[in-house]
């Protein structure tokens, strides 16, 4: 089974969007800056394995307390 460059690019872009959105929602609970967490997840997922590792890292972090 062969993939064209366009198909590969669309698959990577869809993984980037999914990881970015997941990182944002995890970043709301786990960090003080969810936009930075989302941007890092989006960039790391250029190589999909790194994006998945980043999401696992965020999921394993402690929740940030909301008391300020």
N, C-alpha and C. Protein backbone atom coordinates (compact mmCIF):
# COMPACT_ATOMS: atom_id res chain seq x y z
N UNK A 1 0.84 -1.17 0.00
CA UNK A 1 0.00 0.00 0.00
C UNK A 1 0.89 1.24 0.00
N UNK A 2 0.67 2.10 -0.93
CA UNK A 2 1.49 3.30 -1.04
C UNK A 2 0.64 4.53 -0.75
N UNK A 3 1.29 5.54 -0.16
CA UNK A 3 0.64 6.80 0.12
C UNK A 3 1.29 7.89 -0.71
N UNK A 4 0.49 8.78 -1.22
CA UNK A 4 1.08 9.91 -1.93
C UNK A 4 1.52 10.95 -0.90
N UNK A 5 2.28 11.91 -1.35
CA UNK A 5 2.76 12.96 -0.47
C UNK A 5 1.60 13.77 0.10
N UNK A 6 0.57 13.99 -0.70
CA UNK A 6 -0.59 14.72 -0.24
C UNK A 6 -1.31 13.97 0.86
N UNK A 7 -1.50 12.68 0.71
CA UNK A 7 -2.15 11.88 1.73
C UNK A 7 -1.35 11.86 3.02
N UNK A 8 -0.04 11.73 2.91
CA UNK A 8 0.82 11.73 4.08
C UNK A 8 0.75 13.08 4.80
N UNK A 9 0.77 14.16 4.03
CA UNK A 9 0.66 15.49 4.62
C UNK A 9 -0.66 15.71 5.32
N UNK A 10 -1.75 15.24 4.74
CA UNK A 10 -3.05 15.39 5.37
C UNK A 10 -3.16 14.55 6.65
N UNK A 11 -2.55 13.37 6.65
CA UNK A 11 -2.56 12.54 7.86
C UNK A 11 -1.78 13.21 8.96
N UNK A 12 -0.62 13.76 8.65
CA UNK A 12 0.20 14.43 9.67
C UNK A 12 -0.51 15.68 10.16
N UNK A 13 -1.15 16.44 9.26
CA UNK A 13 -1.88 17.64 9.67
C UNK A 13 -3.05 17.29 10.59
N UNK A 14 -3.75 16.20 10.30
CA UNK A 14 -4.86 15.81 11.16
C UNK A 14 -4.36 15.36 12.53
N UNK A 15 -3.23 14.66 12.58
CA UNK A 15 -2.65 14.28 13.87
C UNK A 15 -2.21 15.52 14.64
N UNK A 16 -1.66 16.51 13.93
CA UNK A 16 -1.23 17.75 14.58
C UNK A 16 -2.42 18.48 15.20
N UNK A 17 -3.53 18.54 14.49
CA UNK A 17 -4.72 19.21 15.02
C UNK A 17 -5.28 18.46 16.22
N UNK A 18 -5.36 17.15 16.13
CA UNK A 18 -5.90 16.35 17.24
C UNK A 18 -5.03 16.49 18.47
N UNK A 19 -3.71 16.39 18.31
CA UNK A 19 -2.79 16.52 19.44
C UNK A 19 -2.83 17.94 20.00
N UNK A 20 -2.94 18.94 19.14
CA UNK A 20 -3.01 20.32 19.60
C UNK A 20 -4.25 20.58 20.44
N UNK A 21 -5.39 20.09 20.00
CA UNK A 21 -6.65 20.27 20.75
C UNK A 21 -6.60 19.49 22.07
N UNK A 22 -6.10 18.28 22.02
CA UNK A 22 -5.97 17.48 23.24
C UNK A 22 -5.02 18.14 24.23
N UNK A 23 -3.92 18.68 23.73
CA UNK A 23 -2.96 19.37 24.59
C UNK A 23 -3.59 20.61 25.22
N UNK A 24 -4.43 21.30 24.47
CA UNK A 24 -5.10 22.48 25.02
C UNK A 24 -6.00 22.11 26.20
N UNK A 25 -6.82 21.09 26.01
CA UNK A 25 -7.74 20.71 27.08
C UNK A 25 -7.00 20.13 28.29
N UNK A 26 -5.92 19.40 28.05
CA UNK A 26 -5.11 18.94 29.17
C UNK A 26 -4.36 20.11 29.81
N UNK A 27 -3.94 21.07 28.98
CA UNK A 27 -3.22 22.22 29.48
C UNK A 27 -4.07 23.11 30.38
N UNK A 28 -5.37 23.14 30.16
CA UNK A 28 -6.26 23.91 31.03
C UNK A 28 -6.17 23.38 32.46
N UNK A 29 -6.16 22.08 32.62
CA UNK A 29 -6.12 21.48 33.95
C UNK A 29 -4.72 21.34 34.51
N UNK A 30 -3.73 21.12 33.65
CA UNK A 30 -2.41 20.72 34.13
C UNK A 30 -1.37 21.84 34.14
N UNK A 31 -1.61 22.96 33.45
CA UNK A 31 -0.62 24.03 33.39
C UNK A 31 -1.28 25.37 33.64
N UNK A 32 -0.46 26.40 33.78
CA UNK A 32 -0.98 27.75 33.92
C UNK A 32 -1.14 28.45 32.58
N UNK A 33 -0.59 27.88 31.53
CA UNK A 33 -0.68 28.49 30.19
C UNK A 33 -1.10 27.43 29.16
N UNK A 34 -2.40 27.25 28.98
CA UNK A 34 -2.86 26.22 28.05
C UNK A 34 -2.53 26.50 26.59
N UNK A 35 -2.38 27.78 26.22
CA UNK A 35 -2.04 28.08 24.83
C UNK A 35 -0.61 27.63 24.50
N UNK A 36 0.30 27.80 25.45
CA UNK A 36 1.67 27.32 25.23
C UNK A 36 1.69 25.80 25.15
N UNK A 37 0.92 25.15 26.00
CA UNK A 37 0.86 23.69 25.98
C UNK A 37 0.29 23.20 24.65
N UNK A 38 -0.72 23.90 24.15
CA UNK A 38 -1.32 23.53 22.87
C UNK A 38 -0.34 23.74 21.73
N UNK A 39 0.37 24.86 21.74
CA UNK A 39 1.35 25.14 20.68
C UNK A 39 2.48 24.11 20.68
N UNK A 40 2.95 23.75 21.87
CA UNK A 40 4.00 22.73 21.96
C UNK A 40 3.51 21.38 21.43
N UNK A 41 2.29 21.01 21.80
CA UNK A 41 1.73 19.76 21.30
C UNK A 41 1.59 19.76 19.80
N UNK A 42 1.16 20.91 19.24
CA UNK A 42 1.01 21.03 17.79
C UNK A 42 2.36 20.89 17.09
N UNK A 43 3.38 21.56 17.61
CA UNK A 43 4.71 21.51 16.99
C UNK A 43 5.35 20.14 17.16
N UNK A 44 5.24 19.56 18.36
CA UNK A 44 5.84 18.24 18.58
C UNK A 44 5.22 17.18 17.69
N UNK A 45 3.96 17.35 17.31
CA UNK A 45 3.30 16.30 16.54
C UNK A 45 3.62 16.37 15.06
N UNK A 46 4.57 17.22 14.66
CA UNK A 46 5.08 17.12 13.29
C UNK A 46 5.64 15.71 13.09
N UNK A 47 6.27 15.20 14.15
CA UNK A 47 6.63 13.79 14.22
C UNK A 47 5.60 13.17 15.17
N UNK A 48 4.63 12.42 14.65
CA UNK A 48 3.49 11.99 15.46
C UNK A 48 3.84 11.28 16.77
N UNK A 49 4.92 10.54 16.80
CA UNK A 49 5.31 9.84 18.03
C UNK A 49 5.63 10.84 19.14
N UNK A 50 6.30 11.94 18.80
CA UNK A 50 6.62 12.96 19.80
C UNK A 50 5.36 13.62 20.32
N UNK A 51 4.38 13.84 19.46
CA UNK A 51 3.11 14.41 19.90
C UNK A 51 2.39 13.51 20.89
N UNK A 52 2.40 12.22 20.62
CA UNK A 52 1.75 11.27 21.53
C UNK A 52 2.49 11.21 22.86
N UNK A 53 3.81 11.24 22.82
CA UNK A 53 4.60 11.24 24.06
C UNK A 53 4.30 12.50 24.86
N UNK A 54 4.16 13.65 24.20
CA UNK A 54 3.85 14.90 24.90
C UNK A 54 2.48 14.84 25.56
N UNK A 55 1.49 14.27 24.88
CA UNK A 55 0.15 14.15 25.47
C UNK A 55 0.20 13.23 26.69
N UNK A 56 0.97 12.15 26.61
CA UNK A 56 1.11 11.25 27.76
C UNK A 56 1.79 11.98 28.91
N UNK A 57 2.79 12.80 28.60
CA UNK A 57 3.46 13.59 29.64
C UNK A 57 2.47 14.54 30.31
N UNK A 58 1.68 15.25 29.52
CA UNK A 58 0.70 16.17 30.11
C UNK A 58 -0.33 15.44 30.95
N UNK A 59 -0.77 14.30 30.48
CA UNK A 59 -1.78 13.55 31.22
C UNK A 59 -1.25 13.04 32.56
N UNK A 60 0.05 12.81 32.65
CA UNK A 60 0.60 12.27 33.89
C UNK A 60 1.00 13.35 34.89
N UNK A 61 0.94 14.64 34.48
CA UNK A 61 1.28 15.74 35.38
C UNK A 61 0.21 15.92 36.45
N UNK A 62 0.61 16.52 37.56
CA UNK A 62 -0.34 16.88 38.61
C UNK A 62 -1.21 18.04 38.14
N UNK A 63 -2.45 18.08 38.61
CA UNK A 63 -3.33 19.22 38.32
C UNK A 63 -2.82 20.46 39.02
N UNK A 64 -2.99 21.61 38.38
CA UNK A 64 -2.60 22.88 38.97
C UNK A 64 -3.77 23.36 39.83
N UNK A 65 -3.46 23.82 41.04
CA UNK A 65 -4.53 24.32 41.90
C UNK A 65 -5.01 25.67 41.39
N UNK A 66 -6.28 25.93 41.53
CA UNK A 66 -6.89 27.17 41.04
C UNK A 66 -6.88 28.28 42.09
N UNK A 67 -6.37 28.01 43.28
CA UNK A 67 -6.36 29.01 44.34
C UNK A 67 -5.19 29.95 44.15
N UNK A 68 -5.51 31.22 43.89
CA UNK A 68 -4.44 32.21 43.70
C UNK A 68 -4.70 33.42 44.53
